[in-house]
Amino acid sequence: MAAYSELTLEQYSNFSTTINVDDASGNPINLYGYTVASQIRKSYYSTTATNFTASVTGVANGEITISMTAANTANMTAGRALFDVVITAPDSIKTRVVEGIVVILPGVTQV
């Protein structure tokens, strides 16, 4: 079962967070050869999505980073949305490791 998390993303600002993927015993999963994908959607049934930049940043310690540029957050609509993070193993098995809500805070200064 995926872990639950709540993220806060600010319009017109860079966003980045690190996720540590552990096995059932709490040991980091070696992510050698894994790929990562992550999206934000307004609802589970939305046909449009915004992608996070998602990558393995610590192979041996199960570390994933998801991020978004200020230019991309500027295009986000303020409010609540849903997100998840899916890893794909070298043998093509997909596992959702994190899911939850992302709160997109409106920005004023648009630089």
PDB file of N, CA and C in Angstrom:
ATOM      1  N   MET A   1       0.833  -1.169   0.000  1.00  0.00           N
ATOM      2  CA  MET A   1       0.000   0.000   0.000  1.00  0.00           C
ATOM      3  C   MET A   1       0.886   1.244   0.000  1.00  0.00           C
ATOM      4  N   ALA A   2       0.495   2.227  -0.791  1.00  0.00           N
ATOM      5  CA  ALA A   2       1.261   3.459  -0.911  1.00  0.00           C
ATOM      6  C   ALA A   2       1.163   4.290   0.367  1.00  0.00           C
ATOM      7  N   ALA A   3       2.232   4.992   0.679  1.00  0.00           N
ATOM      8  CA  ALA A   3       2.213   5.931   1.796  1.00  0.00           C
ATOM      9  C   ALA A   3       1.369   7.135   1.417  1.00  0.00           C
ATOM     10  N   TYR A   4       0.768   7.789   2.410  1.00  0.00           N
ATOM     11  CA  TYR A   4      -0.046   8.979   2.170  1.00  0.00           C
ATOM     12  C   TYR A   4       0.764  10.212   2.572  1.00  0.00           C
ATOM     13  N   SER A   5       0.682  11.261   1.749  1.00  0.00           N
ATOM     14  CA  SER A   5       1.403  12.493   2.044  1.00  0.00           C
ATOM     15  C   SER A   5       0.605  13.687   1.554  1.00  0.00           C
ATOM     16  N   GLU A   6       0.792  14.817   2.201  1.00  0.00           N
ATOM     17  CA  GLU A   6       0.205  16.071   1.747  1.00  0.00           C
ATOM     18  C   GLU A   6       1.340  17.013   1.384  1.00  0.00           C
ATOM     19  N   LEU A   7       1.270  17.578   0.181  1.00  0.00           N
ATOM     20  CA  LEU A   7       2.282  18.505  -0.301  1.00  0.00           C
ATOM     21  C   LEU A   7       1.690  19.900  -0.431  1.00  0.00           C
ATOM     22  N   THR A   8       2.525  20.911  -0.298  1.00  0.00           N
ATOM     23  CA  THR A   8       2.127  22.289  -0.551  1.00  0.00           C
ATOM     24  C   THR A   8       3.034  22.828  -1.644  1.00  0.00           C
ATOM     25  N   LEU A   9       2.424  23.337  -2.675  1.00  0.00           N
ATOM     26  CA  LEU A   9       3.131  23.867  -3.837  1.00  0.00           C
ATOM     27  C   LEU A   9       2.715  25.326  -3.990  1.00  0.00           C
ATOM     28  N   GLU A  10       3.652  26.236  -4.169  1.00  0.00           N
ATOM     29  CA  GLU A  10       3.346  27.652  -4.299  1.00  0.00           C
ATOM     30  C   GLU A  10       3.492  28.088  -5.748  1.00  0.00           C
ATOM     31  N   GLN A  11       2.468  28.768  -6.279  1.00  0.00           N
ATOM     32  CA  GLN A  11       2.563  29.285  -7.645  1.00  0.00           C
ATOM     33  C   GLN A  11       3.780  30.213  -7.749  1.00  0.00           C
ATOM     34  N   TYR A  12       4.417  30.215  -8.915  1.00  0.00           N
ATOM     35  CA  TYR A  12       5.547  31.090  -9.257  1.00  0.00           C
ATOM     36  C   TYR A  12       6.812  30.787  -8.455  1.00  0.00           C
ATOM     37  N   SER A  13       6.863  29.631  -7.805  1.00  0.00           N
ATOM     38  CA  SER A  13       8.036  29.225  -7.027  1.00  0.00           C
ATOM     39  C   SER A  13       8.489  27.842  -7.450  1.00  0.00           C
ATOM     40  N   ASN A  14       9.778  27.583  -7.326  1.00  0.00           N
ATOM     41  CA  ASN A  14      10.294  26.247  -7.562  1.00  0.00           C
ATOM     42  C   ASN A  14       9.818  25.326  -6.448  1.00  0.00           C
ATOM     43  N   PHE A  15       9.608  24.062  -6.794  1.00  0.00           N
ATOM     44  CA  PHE A  15       9.185  23.059  -5.821  1.00  0.00           C
ATOM     45  C   PHE A  15      10.090  21.841  -5.957  1.00  0.00           C
ATOM     46  N   SER A  16      10.483  21.278  -4.818  1.00  0.00           N
ATOM     47  CA  SER A  16      11.254  20.036  -4.819  1.00  0.00           C
ATOM     48  C   SER A  16      11.077  19.348  -3.472  1.00  0.00           C
ATOM     49  N   THR A  17      10.928  18.040  -3.515  1.00  0.00           N
ATOM     50  CA  THR A  17      10.882  17.254  -2.286  1.00  0.00           C
ATOM     51  C   THR A  17      11.504  15.885  -2.533  1.00  0.00           C
ATOM     52  N   THR A  18      12.034  15.314  -1.479  1.00  0.00           N
ATOM     53  CA  THR A  18      12.680  14.011  -1.545  1.00  0.00           C
ATOM     54  C   THR A  18      11.803  12.973  -0.851  1.00  0.00           C
ATOM     55  N   ILE A  19      11.716  11.804  -1.454  1.00  0.00           N
ATOM     56  CA  ILE A  19      10.923  10.695  -0.929  1.00  0.00           C
ATOM     57  C   ILE A  19      11.867   9.509  -0.742  1.00  0.00           C
ATOM     58  N   ASN A  20      11.789   8.867   0.401  1.00  0.00           N
ATOM     59  CA  ASN A  20      12.588   7.675   0.651  1.00  0.00           C
ATOM     60  C   ASN A  20      11.691   6.447   0.566  1.00  0.00           C
ATOM     61  N   VAL A  21      12.068   5.493  -0.277  1.00  0.00           N
ATOM     62  CA  VAL A  21      11.276   4.287  -0.506  1.00  0.00           C
ATOM     63  C   VAL A  21      11.894   3.137   0.285  1.00  0.00           C
ATOM     64  N   ASP A  22      11.088   2.591   1.211  1.00  0.00           N
ATOM     65  CA  ASP A  22      11.542   1.495   2.064  1.00  0.00           C
ATOM     66  C   ASP A  22      10.701   0.258   1.833  1.00  0.00           C
ATOM     67  N   ASP A  23      11.267  -0.915   2.175  1.00  0.00           N
ATOM     68  CA  ASP A  23      10.492  -2.150   2.104  1.00  0.00           C
ATOM     69  C   ASP A  23       9.648  -2.294   3.367  1.00  0.00           C
ATOM     70  N   ALA A  24       8.941  -3.397   3.496  1.00  0.00           N
ATOM     71  CA  ALA A  24       8.035  -3.616   4.626  1.00  0.00           C
ATOM     72  C   ALA A  24       8.770  -3.646   5.968  1.00  0.00           C
ATOM     73  N   SER A  25      10.068  -3.934   5.948  1.00  0.00           N
ATOM     74  CA  SER A  25      10.857  -3.977   7.182  1.00  0.00           C
ATOM     75  C   SER A  25      11.486  -2.631   7.514  1.00  0.00           C
ATOM     76  N   GLY A  26      11.280  -1.637   6.652  1.00  0.00           N
ATOM     77  CA  GLY A  26      11.848  -0.317   6.895  1.00  0.00           C
ATOM     78  C   GLY A  26      13.230  -0.107   6.313  1.00  0.00           C
ATOM     79  N   ASN A  27      13.675  -1.064   5.499  1.00  0.00           N
ATOM     80  CA  ASN A  27      14.990  -0.944   4.867  1.00  0.00           C
ATOM     81  C   ASN A  27      14.856  -0.265   3.510  1.00  0.00           C
ATOM     82  N   PRO A  28      15.814   0.601   3.162  1.00  0.00           N
ATOM     83  CA  PRO A  28      15.738   1.265   1.864  1.00  0.00           C
ATOM     84  C   PRO A  28      15.774   0.255   0.717  1.00  0.00           C
ATOM     85  N   ILE A  29      14.964   0.515  -0.311  1.00  0.00           N
ATOM     86  CA  ILE A  29      14.959  -0.332  -1.495  1.00  0.00           C
ATOM     87  C   ILE A  29      16.042   0.164  -2.451  1.00  0.00           C
ATOM     88  N   ASN A  30      16.856  -0.748  -2.964  1.00  0.00           N
ATOM     89  CA  ASN A  30      17.844  -0.383  -3.975  1.00  0.00           C
ATOM     90  C   ASN A  30      17.091  -0.131  -5.280  1.00  0.00           C
ATOM     91  N   LEU A  31      17.174   1.082  -5.794  1.00  0.00           N
ATOM     92  CA  LEU A  31      16.408   1.478  -6.976  1.00  0.00           C
ATOM     93  C   LEU A  31      17.224   1.429  -8.266  1.00  0.00           C
ATOM     94  N   TYR A  32      18.242   0.577  -8.293  1.00  0.00           N
ATOM     95  CA  TYR A  32      19.040   0.441  -9.509  1.00  0.00           C
ATOM     96  C   TYR A  32      18.151  -0.029 -10.660  1.00  0.00           C
ATOM     97  N   GLY A  33      18.153   0.712 -11.751  1.00  0.00           N
ATOM     98  CA  GLY A  33      17.388   0.346 -12.937  1.00  0.00           C
ATOM     99  C   GLY A  33      15.929   0.762 -12.900  1.00  0.00           C
ATOM    100  N   TYR A  34      15.478   1.384 -11.828  1.00  0.00           N
ATOM    101  CA  TYR A  34      14.084   1.827 -11.703  1.00  0.00           C
ATOM    102  C   TYR A  34      13.881   3.164 -12.409  1.00  0.00           C
ATOM    103  N   THR A  35      12.648   3.410 -12.842  1.00  0.00           N
ATOM    104  CA  THR A  35      12.244   4.718 -13.330  1.00  0.00           C
ATOM    105  C   THR A  35      11.123   5.222 -12.433  1.00  0.00           C
ATOM    106  N   VAL A  36      10.860   6.527 -12.505  1.00  0.00           N
ATOM    107  CA  VAL A  36       9.866   7.155 -11.635  1.00  0.00           C
ATOM    108  C   VAL A  36       8.961   8.054 -12.469  1.00  0.00           C
ATOM    109  N   ALA A  37       7.683   8.083 -12.133  1.00  0.00           N
ATOM    110  CA  ALA A  37       6.734   8.999 -12.757  1.00  0.00           C
ATOM    111  C   ALA A  37       5.838   9.559 -11.660  1.00  0.00           C
ATOM    112  N   SER A  38       5.416  10.820 -11.840  1.00  0.00           N
ATOM    113  CA  SER A  38       4.545  11.446 -10.859  1.00  0.00           C
ATOM    114  C   SER A  38       3.709  12.515 -11.540  1.00  0.00           C
ATOM    115  N   GLN A  39       2.421  12.556 -11.198  1.00  0.00           N
ATOM    116  CA  GLN A  39       1.498  13.514 -11.801  1.00  0.00           C
ATOM    117  C   GLN A  39       0.585  14.137 -10.762  1.00  0.00           C
ATOM    118  N   ILE A  40       0.078  15.332 -11.128  1.00  0.00           N
ATOM    119  CA  ILE A  40      -0.965  16.017 -10.367  1.00  0.00           C
ATOM    120  C   ILE A  40      -2.205  16.053 -11.247  1.00  0.00           C
ATOM    121  N   ARG A  41      -3.369  15.763 -10.652  1.00  0.00           N
ATOM    122  CA  ARG A  41      -4.653  15.873 -11.351  1.00  0.00           C
ATOM    123  C   ARG A  41      -5.665  16.506 -10.396  1.00  0.00           C
ATOM    124  N   LYS A  42      -6.631  17.228 -10.941  1.00  0.00           N
ATOM    125  CA  LYS A  42      -7.678  17.846 -10.122  1.00  0.00           C
ATOM    126  C   LYS A  42      -8.575  16.802  -9.467  1.00  0.00           C
ATOM    127  N   SER A  43      -8.789  15.672 -10.126  1.00  0.00           N
ATOM    128  CA  SER A  43      -9.568  14.581  -9.549  1.00  0.00           C
ATOM    129  C   SER A  43      -9.040  13.272 -10.129  1.00  0.00           C
ATOM    130  N   TYR A  44      -9.500  12.169  -9.560  1.00  0.00           N
ATOM    131  CA  TYR A  44      -9.081  10.862 -10.066  1.00  0.00           C
ATOM    132  C   TYR A  44      -9.517  10.655 -11.514  1.00  0.00           C
ATOM    133  N   TYR A  45     -10.556  11.360 -11.922  1.00  0.00           N
ATOM    134  CA  TYR A  45     -11.143  11.156 -13.239  1.00  0.00           C
ATOM    135  C   TYR A  45     -10.731  12.211 -14.256  1.00  0.00           C
ATOM    136  N   SER A  46      -9.863  13.138 -13.874  1.00  0.00           N
ATOM    137  CA  SER A  46      -9.404  14.177 -14.803  1.00  0.00           C
ATOM    138  C   SER A  46      -8.662  13.555 -15.975  1.00  0.00           C
ATOM    139  N   THR A  47      -8.912  14.097 -17.150  1.00  0.00           N
ATOM    140  CA  THR A  47      -8.204  13.611 -18.339  1.00  0.00           C
ATOM    141  C   THR A  47      -6.918  14.395 -18.582  1.00  0.00           C
ATOM    142  N   THR A  48      -6.724  15.498 -17.864  1.00  0.00           N
ATOM    143  CA  THR A  48      -5.494  16.271 -17.998  1.00  0.00           C
ATOM    144  C   THR A  48      -4.680  16.150 -16.721  1.00  0.00           C
ATOM    145  N   ALA A  49      -3.378  16.198 -16.878  1.00  0.00           N
ATOM    146  CA  ALA A  49      -2.466  16.071 -15.743  1.00  0.00           C
ATOM    147  C   ALA A  49      -1.271  16.988 -15.938  1.00  0.00           C
ATOM    148  N   THR A  50      -0.634  17.323 -14.835  1.00  0.00           N
ATOM    149  CA  THR A  50       0.637  18.047 -14.857  1.00  0.00           C
ATOM    150  C   THR A  50       1.684  17.113 -14.288  1.00  0.00           C
ATOM    151  N   ASN A  51       2.785  16.951 -15.001  1.00  0.00           N
ATOM    152  CA  ASN A  51       3.844  16.047 -14.568  1.00  0.00           C
ATOM    153  C   ASN A  51       4.844  16.745 -13.663  1.00  0.00           C
ATOM    154  N   PHE A  52       5.230  16.062 -12.605  1.00  0.00           N
ATOM    155  CA  PHE A  52       6.417  16.450 -11.859  1.00  0.00           C
ATOM    156  C   PHE A  52       7.624  15.934 -12.636  1.00  0.00           C
ATOM    157  N   THR A  53       8.760  16.581 -12.489  1.00  0.00           N
ATOM    158  CA  THR A  53      10.017  15.972 -12.897  1.00  0.00           C
ATOM    159  C   THR A  53      10.349  14.994 -11.778  1.00  0.00           C
ATOM    160  N   ALA A  54      10.482  13.728 -12.102  1.00  0.00           N
ATOM    161  CA  ALA A  54      10.673  12.694 -11.084  1.00  0.00           C
ATOM    162  C   ALA A  54      11.867  11.830 -11.455  1.00  0.00           C
ATOM    163  N   SER A  55      12.766  11.609 -10.493  1.00  0.00           N
ATOM    164  CA  SER A  55      13.945  10.800 -10.786  1.00  0.00           C
ATOM    165  C   SER A  55      14.469  10.125  -9.524  1.00  0.00           C
ATOM    166  N   VAL A  56      15.223   9.065  -9.744  1.00  0.00           N
ATOM    167  CA  VAL A  56      15.931   8.392  -8.660  1.00  0.00           C
ATOM    168  C   VAL A  56      17.185   9.215  -8.397  1.00  0.00           C
ATOM    169  N   THR A  57      17.336   9.708  -7.175  1.00  0.00           N
ATOM    170  CA  THR A  57      18.497  10.531  -6.840  1.00  0.00           C
ATOM    171  C   THR A  57      19.445   9.843  -5.864  1.00  0.00           C
ATOM    172  N   GLY A  58      19.024   8.719  -5.311  1.00  0.00           N
ATOM    173  CA  GLY A  58      19.869   7.928  -4.426  1.00  0.00           C
ATOM    174  C   GLY A  58      19.563   6.460  -4.629  1.00  0.00           C
ATOM    175  N   VAL A  59      20.281   5.824  -5.525  1.00  0.00           N
ATOM    176  CA  VAL A  59      19.972   4.442  -5.912  1.00  0.00           C
ATOM    177  C   VAL A  59      20.018   3.506  -4.711  1.00  0.00           C
ATOM    178  N   ALA A  60      21.109   3.492  -3.988  1.00  0.00           N
ATOM    179  CA  ALA A  60      21.302   2.528  -2.905  1.00  0.00           C
ATOM    180  C   ALA A  60      20.415   2.805  -1.695  1.00  0.00           C
ATOM    181  N   ASN A  61      20.049   4.077  -1.474  1.00  0.00           N
ATOM    182  CA  ASN A  61      19.255   4.385  -0.283  1.00  0.00           C
ATOM    183  C   ASN A  61      17.785   4.653  -0.591  1.00  0.00           C
ATOM    184  N   GLY A  62      17.312   4.272  -1.781  1.00  0.00           N
ATOM    185  CA  GLY A  62      15.898   4.370  -2.117  1.00  0.00           C
ATOM    186  C   GLY A  62      15.363   5.783  -2.186  1.00  0.00           C
ATOM    187  N   GLU A  63      16.183   6.721  -2.652  1.00  0.00           N
ATOM    188  CA  GLU A  63      15.784   8.129  -2.663  1.00  0.00           C
ATOM    189  C   GLU A  63      15.278   8.572  -4.025  1.00  0.00           C
ATOM    190  N   ILE A  64      14.106   9.212  -4.005  1.00  0.00           N
ATOM    191  CA  ILE A  64      13.471   9.767  -5.203  1.00  0.00           C
ATOM    192  C   ILE A  64      13.275  11.259  -4.972  1.00  0.00           C
ATOM    193  N   THR A  65      13.435  12.058  -6.010  1.00  0.00           N
ATOM    194  CA  THR A  65      13.130  13.481  -5.922  1.00  0.00           C
ATOM    195  C   THR A  65      12.078  13.825  -6.962  1.00  0.00           C
ATOM    196  N   ILE A  66      11.039  14.561  -6.525  1.00  0.00           N
ATOM    197  CA  ILE A  66      10.075  15.110  -7.466  1.00  0.00           C
ATOM    198  C   ILE A  66      10.186  16.624  -7.387  1.00  0.00           C
ATOM    199  N   SER A  67      10.075  17.279  -8.545  1.00  0.00           N
ATOM    200  CA  SER A  67      10.252  18.729  -8.562  1.00  0.00           C
ATOM    201  C   SER A  67       9.437  19.345  -9.686  1.00  0.00           C
ATOM    202  N   MET A  68       9.342  20.678  -9.625  1.00  0.00           N
ATOM    203  CA  MET A  68       8.647  21.442 -10.651  1.00  0.00           C
ATOM    204  C   MET A  68       9.273  22.837 -10.683  1.00  0.00           C
ATOM    205  N   THR A  69       9.455  23.376 -11.867  1.00  0.00           N
ATOM    206  CA  THR A  69      10.039  24.707 -12.013  1.00  0.00           C
ATOM    207  C   THR A  69       9.017  25.784 -11.683  1.00  0.00           C
ATOM    208  N   ALA A  70       9.494  26.981 -11.422  1.00  0.00           N
ATOM    209  CA  ALA A  70       8.611  28.121 -11.163  1.00  0.00           C
ATOM    210  C   ALA A  70       7.723  28.404 -12.372  1.00  0.00           C
ATOM    211  N   ALA A  71       8.253  28.212 -13.568  1.00  0.00           N
ATOM    212  CA  ALA A  71       7.446  28.422 -14.780  1.00  0.00           C
ATOM    213  C   ALA A  71       6.276  27.447 -14.824  1.00  0.00           C
ATOM    214  N   ASN A  72       6.490  26.228 -14.380  1.00  0.00           N
ATOM    215  CA  ASN A  72       5.404  25.233 -14.368  1.00  0.00           C
ATOM    216  C   ASN A  72       4.413  25.489 -13.243  1.00  0.00           C
ATOM    217  N   THR A  73       4.890  25.873 -12.059  1.00  0.00           N
ATOM    218  CA  THR A  73       3.952  26.141 -10.968  1.00  0.00           C
ATOM    219  C   THR A  73       3.094  27.366 -11.284  1.00  0.00           C
ATOM    220  N   ALA A  74       3.616  28.285 -12.087  1.00  0.00           N
ATOM    221  CA  ALA A  74       2.846  29.472 -12.476  1.00  0.00           C
ATOM    222  C   ALA A  74       1.597  29.086 -13.267  1.00  0.00           C
ATOM    223  N   ASN A  75       1.648  27.962 -13.955  1.00  0.00           N
ATOM    224  CA  ASN A  75       0.516  27.508 -14.771  1.00  0.00           C
ATOM    225  C   ASN A  75      -0.486  26.646 -14.000  1.00  0.00           C
ATOM    226  N   MET A  76      -0.208  26.383 -12.740  1.00  0.00           N
ATOM    227  CA  MET A  76      -1.102  25.565 -11.926  1.00  0.00           C
ATOM    228  C   MET A  76      -2.251  26.427 -11.404  1.00  0.00           C
ATOM    229  N   THR A  77      -3.447  25.856 -11.336  1.00  0.00           N
ATOM    230  CA  THR A  77      -4.601  26.537 -10.768  1.00  0.00           C
ATOM    231  C   THR A  77      -4.587  26.347  -9.258  1.00  0.00           C
ATOM    232  N   ALA A  78      -4.732  27.441  -8.528  1.00  0.00           N
ATOM    233  CA  ALA A  78      -4.737  27.364  -7.066  1.00  0.00           C
ATOM    234  C   ALA A  78      -5.880  26.479  -6.586  1.00  0.00           C
ATOM    235  N   GLY A  79      -5.639  25.776  -5.486  1.00  0.00           N
ATOM    236  CA  GLY A  79      -6.647  24.890  -4.912  1.00  0.00           C
ATOM    237  C   GLY A  79      -6.055  23.548  -4.533  1.00  0.00           C
ATOM    238  N   ARG A  80      -6.931  22.580  -4.344  1.00  0.00           N
ATOM    239  CA  ARG A  80      -6.505  21.231  -3.967  1.00  0.00           C
ATOM    240  C   ARG A  80      -6.520  20.323  -5.184  1.00  0.00           C
ATOM    241  N   ALA A  81      -5.572  19.435  -5.212  1.00  0.00           N
ATOM    242  CA  ALA A  81      -5.491  18.454  -6.288  1.00  0.00           C
ATOM    243  C   ALA A  81      -4.933  17.153  -5.697  1.00  0.00           C
ATOM    244  N   LEU A  82      -4.814  16.146  -6.534  1.00  0.00           N
ATOM    245  CA  LEU A  82      -4.301  14.844  -6.123  1.00  0.00           C
ATOM    246  C   LEU A  82      -2.980  14.570  -6.822  1.00  0.00           C
ATOM    247  N   PHE A  83      -2.132  13.762  -6.195  1.00  0.00           N
ATOM    248  CA  PHE A  83      -0.875  13.368  -6.832  1.00  0.00           C
ATOM    249  C   PHE A  83      -0.544  11.945  -6.414  1.00  0.00           C
ATOM    250  N   ASP A  84       0.325  11.327  -7.175  1.00  0.00           N
ATOM    251  CA  ASP A  84       0.942  10.081  -6.743  1.00  0.00           C
ATOM    252  C   ASP A  84       2.302   9.938  -7.394  1.00  0.00           C
ATOM    253  N   VAL A  85       3.062   8.978  -6.894  1.00  0.00           N
ATOM    254  CA  VAL A  85       4.399   8.676  -7.402  1.00  0.00           C
ATOM    255  C   VAL A  85       4.450   7.174  -7.659  1.00  0.00           C
ATOM    256  N   VAL A  86       4.818   6.799  -8.886  1.00  0.00           N
ATOM    257  CA  VAL A  86       4.883   5.395  -9.285  1.00  0.00           C
ATOM    258  C   VAL A  86       6.304   5.072  -9.715  1.00  0.00           C
ATOM    259  N   ILE A  87       6.838   3.969  -9.170  1.00  0.00           N
ATOM    260  CA  ILE A  87       8.147   3.483  -9.612  1.00  0.00           C
ATOM    261  C   ILE A  87       7.935   2.266 -10.501  1.00  0.00           C
ATOM    262  N   THR A  88       8.807   2.123 -11.479  1.00  0.00           N
ATOM    263  CA  THR A  88       8.767   0.968 -12.375  1.00  0.00           C
ATOM    264  C   THR A  88      10.093   0.227 -12.261  1.00  0.00           C
ATOM    265  N   ALA A  89      10.018  -1.037 -11.880  1.00  0.00           N
ATOM    266  CA  ALA A  89      11.200  -1.879 -11.715  1.00  0.00           C
ATOM    267  C   ALA A  89      11.748  -2.288 -13.083  1.00  0.00           C
ATOM    268  N   PRO A  90      12.991  -2.741 -13.122  1.00  0.00           N
ATOM    269  CA  PRO A  90      13.563  -3.181 -14.402  1.00  0.00           C
ATOM    270  C   PRO A  90      12.743  -4.276 -15.096  1.00  0.00           C
ATOM    271  N   ASP A  91      11.976  -5.070 -14.333  1.00  0.00           N
ATOM    272  CA  ASP A  91      11.145  -6.117 -14.937  1.00  0.00           C
ATOM    273  C   ASP A  91       9.738  -5.607 -15.269  1.00  0.00           C
ATOM    274  N   SER A  92       9.563  -4.267 -15.295  1.00  0.00           N
ATOM    275  CA  SER A  92       8.321  -3.572 -15.678  1.00  0.00           C
ATOM    276  C   SER A  92       7.201  -3.634 -14.639  1.00  0.00           C
ATOM    277  N   ILE A  93       7.482  -4.101 -13.429  1.00  0.00           N
ATOM    278  CA  ILE A  93       6.471  -4.089 -12.377  1.00  0.00           C
ATOM    279  C   ILE A  93       6.352  -2.674 -11.824  1.00  0.00           C
ATOM    280  N   LYS A  94       5.123  -2.164 -11.813  1.00  0.00           N
ATOM    281  CA  LYS A  94       4.857  -0.802 -11.351  1.00  0.00           C
ATOM    282  C   LYS A  94       4.300  -0.838  -9.928  1.00  0.00           C
ATOM    283  N   THR A  95       4.793   0.079  -9.100  1.00  0.00           N
ATOM    284  CA  THR A  95       4.346   0.177  -7.713  1.00  0.00           C
ATOM    285  C   THR A  95       4.106   1.638  -7.371  1.00  0.00           C
ATOM    286  N   ARG A  96       2.918   1.936  -6.871  1.00  0.00           N
ATOM    287  CA  ARG A  96       2.641   3.289  -6.385  1.00  0.00           C
ATOM    288  C   ARG A  96       3.213   3.378  -4.980  1.00  0.00           C
ATOM    289  N   VAL A  97       4.156   4.293  -4.752  1.00  0.00           N
ATOM    290  CA  VAL A  97       4.827   4.368  -3.460  1.00  0.00           C
ATOM    291  C   VAL A  97       4.301   5.495  -2.580  1.00  0.00           C
ATOM    292  N   VAL A  98       3.756   6.547  -3.194  1.00  0.00           N
ATOM    293  CA  VAL A  98       3.197   7.678  -2.439  1.00  0.00           C
ATOM    294  C   VAL A  98       1.970   8.179  -3.178  1.00  0.00           C
ATOM    295  N   GLU A  99       0.956   8.591  -2.410  1.00  0.00           N
ATOM    296  CA  GLU A  99      -0.226   9.225  -2.976  1.00  0.00           C
ATOM    297  C   GLU A  99      -0.740  10.232  -1.969  1.00  0.00           C
ATOM    298  N   GLY A 100      -1.517  11.196  -2.448  1.00  0.00           N
ATOM    299  CA  GLY A 100      -2.081  12.140  -1.503  1.00  0.00           C
ATOM    300  C   GLY A 100      -2.617  13.391  -2.159  1.00  0.00           C
ATOM    301  N   ILE A 101      -2.674  14.436  -1.353  1.00  0.00           N
ATOM    302  CA  ILE A 101      -3.230  15.714  -1.770  1.00  0.00           C
ATOM    303  C   ILE A 101      -2.098  16.717  -1.917  1.00  0.00           C
ATOM    304  N   VAL A 102      -2.219  17.552  -2.921  1.00  0.00           N
ATOM    305  CA  VAL A 102      -1.299  18.682  -3.076  1.00  0.00           C
ATOM    306  C   VAL A 102      -2.143  19.951  -3.034  1.00  0.00           C
ATOM    307  N   VAL A 103      -1.744  20.866  -2.173  1.00  0.00           N
ATOM    308  CA  VAL A 103      -2.410  22.162  -2.061  1.00  0.00           C
ATOM    309  C   VAL A 103      -1.574  23.158  -2.842  1.00  0.00           C
ATOM    310  N   ILE A 104      -2.201  23.791  -3.826  1.00  0.00           N
ATOM    311  CA  ILE A 104      -1.510  24.767  -4.657  1.00  0.00           C
ATOM    312  C   ILE A 104      -1.917  26.154  -4.167  1.00  0.00           C
ATOM    313  N   LEU A 105      -0.955  26.853  -3.569  1.00  0.00           N
ATOM    314  CA  LEU A 105      -1.230  28.174  -3.020  1.00  0.00           C
ATOM    315  C   LEU A 105      -1.066  29.243  -4.091  1.00  0.00           C
ATOM    316  N   PRO A 106      -2.003  30.193  -4.163  1.00  0.00           N
ATOM    317  CA  PRO A 106      -1.894  31.240  -5.181  1.00  0.00           C
ATOM    318  C   PRO A 106      -0.734  32.181  -4.880  1.00  0.00           C
ATOM    319  N   GLY A 107      -0.132  32.688  -5.929  1.00  0.00           N
ATOM    320  CA  GLY A 107       0.963  33.639  -5.768  1.00  0.00           C
ATOM    321  C   GLY A 107       0.529  35.030  -6.201  1.00  0.00           C
ATOM    322  N   VAL A 108       1.243  36.031  -5.717  1.00  0.00           N
ATOM    323  CA  VAL A 108       0.968  37.414  -6.063  1.00  0.00           C
ATOM    324  C   VAL A 108       2.060  37.947  -6.982  1.00  0.00           C
ATOM    325  N   THR A 109       3.312  37.781  -6.558  1.00  0.00           N
ATOM    326  CA  THR A 109       4.441  38.293  -7.324  1.00  0.00           C
ATOM    327  C   THR A 109       4.756  37.328  -8.452  1.00  0.00           C
ATOM    328  N   GLN A 110       4.611  37.811  -9.672  1.00  0.00           N
ATOM    329  CA  GLN A 110       4.781  36.965 -10.846  1.00  0.00           C
ATOM    330  C   GLN A 110       6.052  37.362 -11.581  1.00  0.00           C
ATOM    331  N   VAL A 111       7.185  36.871 -11.080  1.00  0.00           N
ATOM    332  CA  VAL A 111       8.473  37.189 -11.707  1.00  0.00           C
ATOM    333  C   VAL A 111       9.076  35.974 -12.347  1.00  0.00           C
TER     334      VAL A 111
END
